[in-house]
C-alpha atoms as a PDB file:
ATOM      1  CA  UNK A   1      76.040 -78.470  49.668  1.00  0.00           C
ATOM      2  CA  UNK A   2      76.195 -74.754  50.454  1.00  0.00           C
ATOM      3  CA  UNK A   3      73.051 -74.848  52.575  1.00  0.00           C
ATOM      4  CA  UNK A   4      71.750 -76.955  55.407  1.00  0.00           C
ATOM      5  CA  UNK A   5      68.526 -77.265  53.362  1.00  0.00           C
ATOM      6  CA  UNK A   6      68.931 -79.940  50.697  1.00  0.00           C
ATOM      7  CA  UNK A   7      66.413 -80.048  47.858  1.00  0.00           C
ATOM      8  CA  UNK A   8      65.853 -83.363  46.109  1.00  0.00           C
ATOM      9  CA  UNK A   9      63.651 -83.856  43.068  1.00  0.00           C
ATOM     10  CA  UNK A  10      62.588 -87.486  43.542  1.00  0.00           C
ATOM     11  CA  UNK A  11      61.420 -89.048  40.304  1.00  0.00           C
ATOM     12  CA  UNK A  12      58.120 -90.887  40.349  1.00  0.00           C
ATOM     13  CA  UNK A  13      59.724 -93.657  38.306  1.00  0.00           C
ATOM     14  CA  UNK A  14      61.881 -94.681  41.262  1.00  0.00           C
ATOM     15  CA  UNK A  15      59.078 -94.369  43.827  1.00  0.00           C
ATOM     16  CA  UNK A  16      56.641 -96.497  41.819  1.00  0.00           C
ATOM     17  CA  UNK A  17      58.599 -98.191  39.004  1.00  0.00           C
ATOM     18  CA  UNK A  18      56.193-100.926  37.932  1.00  0.00           C
ATOM     19  CA  UNK A  19      53.081-102.262  39.624  1.00  0.00           C
ATOM     20  CA  UNK A  20      53.983-101.375  43.224  1.00  0.00           C
ATOM     21  CA  UNK A  21      56.090 -98.908  45.209  1.00  0.00           C
ATOM     22  CA  UNK A  22      59.745 -99.902  45.449  1.00  0.00           C
ATOM     23  CA  UNK A  23      59.783-100.702  49.162  1.00  0.00           C
ATOM     24  CA  UNK A  24      63.385-101.895  49.157  1.00  0.00           C
ATOM     25  CA  UNK A  25      64.698 -98.685  47.600  1.00  0.00           C
ATOM     26  CA  UNK A  26      62.525 -96.476  49.794  1.00  0.00           C
ATOM     27  CA  UNK A  27      63.790 -98.148  52.966  1.00  0.00           C
ATOM     28  CA  UNK A  28      67.414 -97.613  51.907  1.00  0.00           C
ATOM     29  CA  UNK A  29      66.660 -94.040  50.864  1.00  0.00           C
ATOM     30  CA  UNK A  30      64.911 -93.392  54.187  1.00  0.00           C
ATOM     31  CA  UNK A  31      67.889 -94.634  56.189  1.00  0.00           C
ATOM     32  CA  UNK A  32      70.313 -92.448  54.230  1.00  0.00           C
ATOM     33  CA  UNK A  33      68.209 -89.293  54.520  1.00  0.00           C
ATOM     34  CA  UNK A  34      67.716 -89.803  58.255  1.00  0.00           C
ATOM     35  CA  UNK A  35      71.469 -90.298  58.695  1.00  0.00           C
ATOM     36  CA  UNK A  36      71.995 -86.836  57.213  1.00  0.00           C
ATOM     37  CA  UNK A  37      69.127 -85.444  59.287  1.00  0.00           C
ATOM     38  CA  UNK A  38      71.041 -86.645  62.351  1.00  0.00           C
ATOM     39  CA  UNK A  39      74.015 -84.651  61.040  1.00  0.00           C
ATOM     40  CA  UNK A  40      71.918 -81.474  61.019  1.00  0.00           C
ATOM     41  CA  UNK A  41      70.592 -81.275  57.478  1.00  0.00           C
ATOM     42  CA  UNK A  42      67.032 -80.414  56.501  1.00  0.00           C
ATOM     43  CA  UNK A  43      65.401 -81.756  53.342  1.00  0.00           C
ATOM     44  CA  UNK A  44      62.769 -80.701  50.865  1.00  0.00           C
ATOM     45  CA  UNK A  45      61.725 -83.750  48.814  1.00  0.00           C
ATOM     46  CA  UNK A  46      59.704 -82.971  45.681  1.00  0.00           C
ATOM     47  CA  UNK A  47      58.070 -86.054  44.169  1.00  0.00           C
ATOM     48  CA  UNK A  48      57.363 -86.666  40.499  1.00  0.00           C
ATOM     49  CA  UNK A  49      54.550 -88.639  38.914  1.00  0.00           C
ATOM     50  CA  UNK A  50      56.396 -91.286  36.923  1.00  0.00           C
ATOM     51  CA  UNK A  51      54.567 -94.101  35.153  1.00  0.00           C
ATOM     52  CA  UNK A  52      51.308 -93.581  37.043  1.00  0.00           C
ATOM     53  CA  UNK A  53      51.185 -90.017  35.753  1.00  0.00           C
ATOM     54  CA  UNK A  54      51.905 -90.977  32.144  1.00  0.00           C
ATOM     55  CA  UNK A  55      49.423 -93.859  32.140  1.00  0.00           C
ATOM     56  CA  UNK A  56      46.616 -91.612  33.346  1.00  0.00           C
ATOM     57  CA  UNK A  57      47.554 -88.936  30.817  1.00  0.00           C
ATOM     58  CA  UNK A  58      47.591 -91.465  27.990  1.00  0.00           C
ATOM     59  CA  UNK A  59      44.259 -92.919  29.084  1.00  0.00           C
ATOM     60  CA  UNK A  60      42.477 -89.560  29.253  1.00  0.00           C
ATOM     61  CA  UNK A  61      43.735 -88.730  25.756  1.00  0.00           C
ATOM     62  CA  UNK A  62      42.103 -91.930  24.503  1.00  0.00           C
ATOM     63  CA  UNK A  63      38.810 -91.055  26.163  1.00  0.00           C
ATOM     64  CA  UNK A  64      38.429 -87.350  25.372  1.00  0.00           C
ATOM     65  CA  UNK A  65      40.100 -84.551  23.456  1.00  0.00           C
ATOM     66  CA  UNK A  66      42.203 -83.625  26.492  1.00  0.00           C
ATOM     67  CA  UNK A  67      44.123 -80.361  26.535  1.00  0.00           C
ATOM     68  CA  UNK A  68      47.659 -80.045  27.828  1.00  0.00           C
ATOM     69  CA  UNK A  69      46.245 -78.329  30.902  1.00  0.00           C
ATOM     70  CA  UNK A  70      43.873 -81.262  31.496  1.00  0.00           C
ATOM     71  CA  UNK A  71      46.806 -83.662  31.347  1.00  0.00           C
ATOM     72  CA  UNK A  72      48.929 -81.424  33.533  1.00  0.00           C
ATOM     73  CA  UNK A  73      46.291 -81.383  36.287  1.00  0.00           C
ATOM     74  CA  UNK A  74      46.047 -85.177  36.161  1.00  0.00           C
ATOM     75  CA  UNK A  75      49.835 -85.374  36.378  1.00  0.00           C
ATOM     76  CA  UNK A  76      49.885 -82.976  39.322  1.00  0.00           C
ATOM     77  CA  UNK A  77      47.473 -85.199  41.232  1.00  0.00           C
ATOM     78  CA  UNK A  78      49.708 -88.205  40.508  1.00  0.00           C
ATOM     79  CA  UNK A  79      52.721 -86.386  41.962  1.00  0.00           C
ATOM     80  CA  UNK A  80      50.706 -85.492  45.050  1.00  0.00           C
ATOM     81  CA  UNK A  81      49.654 -89.110  45.593  1.00  0.00           C
ATOM     82  CA  UNK A  82      53.330 -90.104  45.488  1.00  0.00           C
ATOM     83  CA  UNK A  83      54.117 -87.218  47.839  1.00  0.00           C
ATOM     84  CA  UNK A  84      51.576 -88.343  50.418  1.00  0.00           C
ATOM     85  CA  UNK A  85      53.068 -91.820  50.301  1.00  0.00           C
ATOM     86  CA  UNK A  86      56.617 -90.490  50.792  1.00  0.00           C
ATOM     87  CA  UNK A  87      55.377 -88.242  53.615  1.00  0.00           C
ATOM     88  CA  UNK A  88      54.273 -91.369  55.468  1.00  0.00           C
ATOM     89  CA  UNK A  89      57.550 -93.110  54.655  1.00  0.00           C
ATOM     90  CA  UNK A  90      59.168 -90.347  56.748  1.00  0.00           C
ATOM     91  CA  UNK A  91      56.398 -90.240  59.347  1.00  0.00           C
ATOM     92  CA  UNK A  92      57.604 -88.609  62.540  1.00  0.00           C
ATOM     93  CA  UNK A  93      60.227 -86.598  60.644  1.00  0.00           C
ATOM     94  CA  UNK A  94      58.180 -85.028  57.844  1.00  0.00           C
ATOM     95  CA  UNK A  95      55.841 -82.063  58.228  1.00  0.00           C
ATOM     96  CA  UNK A  96      52.201 -83.182  58.598  1.00  0.00           C
ATOM     97  CA  UNK A  97      51.074 -81.702  55.283  1.00  0.00           C
ATOM     98  CA  UNK A  98      52.373 -81.265  51.757  1.00  0.00           C
ATOM     99  CA  UNK A  99      54.088 -78.029  50.781  1.00  0.00           C
ATOM    100  CA  UNK A 100      53.008 -77.136  47.240  1.00  0.00           C
ATOM    101  CA  UNK A 101      53.173 -73.337  47.105  1.00  0.00           C
ATOM    102  CA  UNK A 102      56.853 -72.315  47.464  1.00  0.00           C
ATOM    103  CA  UNK A 103      55.771 -69.234  49.433  1.00  0.00           C
ATOM    104  CA  UNK A 104      54.700 -71.546  52.267  1.00  0.00           C
ATOM    105  CA  UNK A 105      58.295 -72.565  52.962  1.00  0.00           C
ATOM    106  CA  UNK A 106      59.134 -69.041  54.177  1.00  0.00           C
ATOM    107  CA  UNK A 107      58.400 -70.408  57.651  1.00  0.00           C
ATOM    108  CA  UNK A 108      59.946 -73.823  58.235  1.00  0.00           C
ATOM    109  CA  UNK A 109      57.635 -76.202  60.158  1.00  0.00           C
ATOM    110  CA  UNK A 110      58.965 -76.322  63.690  1.00  0.00           C
ATOM    111  CA  UNK A 111      60.147 -79.716  64.859  1.00  0.00           C
ATOM    112  CA  UNK A 112      60.224 -81.348  61.408  1.00  0.00           C
ATOM    113  CA  UNK A 113      63.476 -81.699  59.428  1.00  0.00           C
ATOM    114  CA  UNK A 114      61.776 -82.922  56.252  1.00  0.00           C
ATOM    115  CA  UNK A 115      59.255 -81.180  54.014  1.00  0.00           C
ATOM    116  CA  UNK A 116      57.502 -83.033  51.192  1.00  0.00           C
ATOM    117  CA  UNK A 117      56.294 -81.242  48.062  1.00  0.00           C
ATOM    118  CA  UNK A 118      54.879 -82.186  44.668  1.00  0.00           C
ATOM    119  CA  UNK A 119      53.374 -80.705  41.530  1.00  0.00           C
ATOM    120  CA  UNK A 120      51.720 -77.321  42.021  1.00  0.00           C
ATOM    121  CA  UNK A 121      50.574 -75.594  38.823  1.00  0.00           C
ATOM    122  CA  UNK A 122      50.212 -76.622  35.162  1.00  0.00           C
ATOM    123  CA  UNK A 123      52.931 -75.782  32.682  1.00  0.00           C
ATOM    124  CA  UNK A 124      55.953 -77.528  34.145  1.00  0.00           C
ATOM    125  CA  UNK A 125      57.122 -80.650  35.916  1.00  0.00           C
ATOM    126  CA  UNK A 126      57.993 -81.317  39.541  1.00  0.00           C
ATOM    127  CA  UNK A 127      61.591 -80.428  38.578  1.00  0.00           C
ATOM    128  CA  UNK A 128      60.493 -76.819  38.278  1.00  0.00           C
ATOM    129  CA  UNK A 129      58.763 -77.018  41.637  1.00  0.00           C
ATOM    130  CA  UNK A 130      62.148 -78.026  43.056  1.00  0.00           C
ATOM    131  CA  UNK A 131      63.696 -74.927  41.476  1.00  0.00           C
ATOM    132  CA  UNK A 132      60.942 -72.750  42.932  1.00  0.00           C
ATOM    133  CA  UNK A 133      61.647 -74.220  46.367  1.00  0.00           C
ATOM    134  CA  UNK A 134      65.354 -73.507  45.878  1.00  0.00           C
ATOM    135  CA  UNK A 135      64.534 -69.916  44.984  1.00  0.00           C
ATOM    136  CA  UNK A 136      62.323 -69.572  48.061  1.00  0.00           C
ATOM    137  CA  UNK A 137      64.992 -70.932  50.429  1.00  0.00           C
ATOM    138  CA  UNK A 138      68.083 -69.493  48.763  1.00  0.00           C
ATOM    139  CA  UNK A 139      69.502 -72.953  48.056  1.00  0.00           C
ATOM    140  CA  UNK A 140      71.962 -73.117  45.163  1.00  0.00           C
ATOM    141  CA  UNK A 141      72.016 -76.878  44.666  1.00  0.00           C
ATOM    142  CA  UNK A 142      69.379 -79.422  43.663  1.00  0.00           C
ATOM    143  CA  UNK A 143      69.783 -83.182  43.519  1.00  0.00           C
ATOM    144  CA  UNK A 144      67.688 -84.853  40.841  1.00  0.00           C
ATOM    145  CA  UNK A 145      67.090 -88.576  41.366  1.00  0.00           C
ATOM    146  CA  UNK A 146      65.548 -90.486  38.483  1.00  0.00           C
ATOM    147  CA  UNK A 147      65.786 -93.771  36.604  1.00  0.00           C
ATOM    148  CA  UNK A 148      68.584 -92.280  34.462  1.00  0.00           C
ATOM    149  CA  UNK A 149      72.164 -92.555  35.776  1.00  0.00           C
ATOM    150  CA  UNK A 150      73.604 -89.729  33.648  1.00  0.00           C
ATOM    151  CA  UNK A 151      72.579 -87.041  31.194  1.00  0.00           C
ATOM    152  CA  UNK A 152      73.416 -87.702  27.544  1.00  0.00           C
ATOM    153  CA  UNK A 153      73.543 -85.612  24.389  1.00  0.00           C
ATOM    154  CA  UNK A 154      70.828 -87.854  22.927  1.00  0.00           C
ATOM    155  CA  UNK A 155      68.618 -90.716  24.061  1.00  0.00           C
ATOM    156  CA  UNK A 156      70.974 -93.670  24.792  1.00  0.00           C
ATOM    157  CA  UNK A 157      68.064 -96.084  24.366  1.00  0.00           C
ATOM    158  CA  UNK A 158      67.731 -95.011  20.740  1.00  0.00           C
ATOM    159  CA  UNK A 159      71.278 -94.038  19.770  1.00  0.00           C
ATOM    160  CA  UNK A 160      74.337 -96.229  20.325  1.00  0.00           C
ATOM    161  CA  UNK A 161      76.640 -93.217  19.906  1.00  0.00           C
ATOM    162  CA  UNK A 162      74.989 -91.192  22.691  1.00  0.00           C
ATOM    163  CA  UNK A 163      77.657 -89.218  24.566  1.00  0.00           C
ATOM    164  CA  UNK A 164      77.611 -89.283  28.348  1.00  0.00           C
ATOM    165  CA  UNK A 165      77.684 -85.822  29.908  1.00  0.00           C
ATOM    166  CA  UNK A 166      79.700 -85.932  33.123  1.00  0.00           C
ATOM    167  CA  UNK A 167      80.070 -82.210  33.845  1.00  0.00           C
ATOM    168  CA  UNK A 168      78.185 -79.860  31.560  1.00  0.00           C
ATOM    169  CA  UNK A 169      77.134 -76.206  31.448  1.00  0.00           C
ATOM    170  CA  UNK A 170      73.496 -75.159  31.349  1.00  0.00           C
ATOM    171  CA  UNK A 171      73.908 -73.794  27.813  1.00  0.00           C
ATOM    172  CA  UNK A 172      75.237 -77.124  26.588  1.00  0.00           C
ATOM    173  CA  UNK A 173      72.704 -79.207  28.481  1.00  0.00           C
ATOM    174  CA  UNK A 174      69.767 -77.110  27.267  1.00  0.00           C
ATOM    175  CA  UNK A 175      70.920 -77.530  23.657  1.00  0.00           C
ATOM    176  CA  UNK A 176      70.263 -81.287  24.005  1.00  0.00           C
ATOM    177  CA  UNK A 177      66.702 -81.165  25.392  1.00  0.00           C
ATOM    178  CA  UNK A 178      63.415 -79.811  23.971  1.00  0.00           C
ATOM    179  CA  UNK A 179      62.890 -76.076  24.340  1.00  0.00           C
ATOM    180  CA  UNK A 180      59.270 -76.356  25.442  1.00  0.00           C
ATOM    181  CA  UNK A 181      57.393 -78.272  28.132  1.00  0.00           C
ATOM    182  CA  UNK A 182      54.699 -80.824  27.305  1.00  0.00           C
ATOM    183  CA  UNK A 183      52.833 -83.053  29.789  1.00  0.00           C
ATOM    184  CA  UNK A 184      54.615 -86.369  30.298  1.00  0.00           C
ATOM    185  CA  UNK A 185      57.869 -85.100  28.784  1.00  0.00           C
ATOM    186  CA  UNK A 186      60.736 -87.388  29.764  1.00  0.00           C
ATOM    187  CA  UNK A 187      63.998 -85.478  30.236  1.00  0.00           C
ATOM    188  CA  UNK A 188      66.584 -85.674  33.024  1.00  0.00           C
ATOM    189  CA  UNK A 189      65.693 -82.090  33.993  1.00  0.00           C
ATOM    190  CA  UNK A 190      62.859 -80.365  32.159  1.00  0.00           C
ATOM    191  CA  UNK A 191      63.314 -77.266  29.936  1.00  0.00           C
ATOM    192  CA  UNK A 192      61.302 -74.854  32.091  1.00  0.00           C
ATOM    193  CA  UNK A 193      63.159 -75.918  35.227  1.00  0.00           C
ATOM    194  CA  UNK A 194      66.488 -75.736  33.398  1.00  0.00           C
ATOM    195  CA  UNK A 195      65.947 -72.185  32.153  1.00  0.00           C
ATOM    196  CA  UNK A 196      64.925 -71.008  35.612  1.00  0.00           C
ATOM    197  CA  UNK A 197      67.770 -72.827  37.371  1.00  0.00           C
ATOM    198  CA  UNK A 198      70.325 -71.328  35.000  1.00  0.00           C
ATOM    199  CA  UNK A 199      68.939 -67.840  35.581  1.00  0.00           C
ATOM    200  CA  UNK A 200      69.206 -68.307  39.367  1.00  0.00           C
ATOM    201  CA  UNK A 201      72.709 -69.779  39.224  1.00  0.00           C
ATOM    202  CA  UNK A 202      71.563 -73.120  40.629  1.00  0.00           C
ATOM    203  CA  UNK A 203      73.623 -76.248  40.042  1.00  0.00           C
ATOM    204  CA  UNK A 204      71.944 -79.628  39.575  1.00  0.00           C
ATOM    205  CA  UNK A 205      73.325 -83.078  40.305  1.00  0.00           C
ATOM    206  CA  UNK A 206      71.700 -85.772  38.164  1.00  0.00           C
ATOM    207  CA  UNK A 207      72.023 -89.138  39.906  1.00  0.00           C
ATOM    208  CA  UNK A 208      70.552 -92.567  39.257  1.00  0.00           C
ATOM    209  CA  UNK A 209      67.918 -92.940  41.951  1.00  0.00           C
ATOM    210  CA  UNK A 210      69.061 -96.325  43.166  1.00  0.00           C
ATOM    211  CA  UNK A 211      72.706 -95.307  43.346  1.00  0.00           C
ATOM    212  CA  UNK A 212      72.623 -94.668  47.080  1.00  0.00           C
ATOM    213  CA  UNK A 213      76.415 -94.407  47.317  1.00  0.00           C
ATOM    214  CA  UNK A 214      76.445 -91.605  44.723  1.00  0.00           C
ATOM    215  CA  UNK A 215      73.721 -89.768  46.622  1.00  0.00           C
ATOM    216  CA  UNK A 216      75.631 -90.141  49.893  1.00  0.00           C
ATOM    217  CA  UNK A 217      78.822 -88.861  48.237  1.00  0.00           C
ATOM    218  CA  UNK A 218      76.963 -85.853  46.835  1.00  0.00           C
ATOM    219  CA  UNK A 219      75.422 -85.040  50.214  1.00  0.00           C
ATOM    220  CA  UNK A 220      78.910 -85.124  51.729  1.00  0.00           C
ATOM    221  CA  UNK A 221      80.192 -82.718  49.078  1.00  0.00           C
ATOM    222  CA  UNK A 222      82.374 -85.360  47.430  1.00  0.00           C
ATOM    223  CA  UNK A 223      82.765 -86.321  43.795  1.00  0.00           C
ATOM    224  CA  UNK A 224      79.808 -88.516  42.808  1.00  0.00           C
ATOM    225  CA  UNK A 225      78.786 -90.860  40.028  1.00  0.00           C
ATOM    226  CA  UNK A 226      76.344 -88.917  37.874  1.00  0.00           C
ATOM    227  CA  UNK A 227      76.096 -85.723  35.843  1.00  0.00           C
ATOM    228  CA  UNK A 228      76.715 -82.237  37.212  1.00  0.00           C
ATOM    229  CA  UNK A 229      75.068 -79.266  35.490  1.00  0.00           C
ATOM    230  CA  UNK A 230      76.786 -75.973  36.304  1.00  0.00           C
ATOM    231  CA  UNK A 231      76.508 -72.320  35.298  1.00  0.00           C
END
């Protein structure tokens, strides 16, 4: 990492995978992050909405003729619920409020090495909020943790011949994902975030959320198991 501030987009699907938060993963994740805090790093953790978000969005569409903006606002609230939970996971180390507007990070909260953020405005996912935080801090690297271990050229759940993308350029990666954002879109890194990250020259490491060793390797600047999107 080129900066002491590490930005992690933490997928909601690994915070709350089924019917409860994944306490075992979160404890392991907490220990690893605090180890790197002890080494002098600061973290911005941006939480996604995951299944909770998508279930609410699906339910509101069954009840009313919901617009994309309606569903986005519901999704944003889901990300913020996850963010509040993660803020308490890091109680004593995390700033005592959520940071949603990237402009707020211009002044780092004194005495707290960890800042927690979430969804902010309609029209994009929490991935884009991570990019906005990177832009605000000057960071050139983002780690994206999700329930997907690698990026592929097509959905590996649907296509047996899906090609794993180990190291890939933004142009190539963006050719494999939708060009537009829609609420609940499932992609390793969303199209709006990808376009903005490419424009800023930001690199993104895509790592399976429960692969703690890969995350540790990445934080140490080593080769890691996952996909690396570069300029």
